[in-house]
Structures are given as structure tokens and as C-alpha cells.
Amino acid sequence: RNVLHGLYCIVTQEGLTSLFRGLGPLLTRACCSTAAQFTAYEVAKTCLVESLQMDVASVSTHMLASTGAAGGATLVCNPLDVVKARMMQTRQNGYRNSLHCFTTMIRTEGLGGLYKG
């Protein structure tokens, strides 16, 4: 019917802690994403300036470095997004925690399983 009714149903049927399922992976992903983006941006910008002699202050340098940073962050964070999505699904997913989900996915689906979706 509405958001409050939905929250009420979730809490009464699954418990209060079910509202926070997936919070750990979400926070881990946010930290990794930020770290990967800042690191990849600085590395890409340094490479562009030193290797290709691009102007450090030009818009094109920043745009290319930002594109590289976004790609790097995506490569790092996609596995975390997949784990987070699996953990946020129903309680019957069979995973005890994020690490168990991560290791089970690698064991059963291989590394490619972390890049699904």
C-alpha cells in the first residue's frame, strides 16, 4: 500500500535486522569504490601527463583520467556489487555472511561469477 506499510510488514515478518541486510557489503563497496577511483584517477593523470605529455590542467586530461578512474572503480567494485545483491536477497540464500557468499561464488561459479549482472 505504501512505504510505511512495507516497512511494517518486513519488520513483523522478518525482524528488525532484516532492514539492514546487505549493509556491510554496501559500506565495503563504498569504501573500495572511493579508494579505487581516487587511486586510478591519480595514476591515469600521471601517466597521461608524463607519458603522453598532456597538459596537467587541460580538460581533456581530466576527462581521460576520470574515464580511466571510472573503469578502474567498476572493475574493483562489480564483485562487491554482486555479493551485496546476493546478500540483500531473501534470507533463504544459504550464505552466512558476505565472505561466505564471496568464497562460495568463486568455488561454485569461478571468478566470472563475480562479474555477473
Foldseek 3Di string as FASTA:
>chain_A
DDDVVVQVVCCVPPNPCLVCFLVVLVVVLVVLLVVQLVVQLVVQLVCCCVVVVDDSPDPVSNVRSNVRSVVRSCVRRQLSVLLSVLRNDDPPSPAPDSVSSSVVCCVPPNPVSSNDD
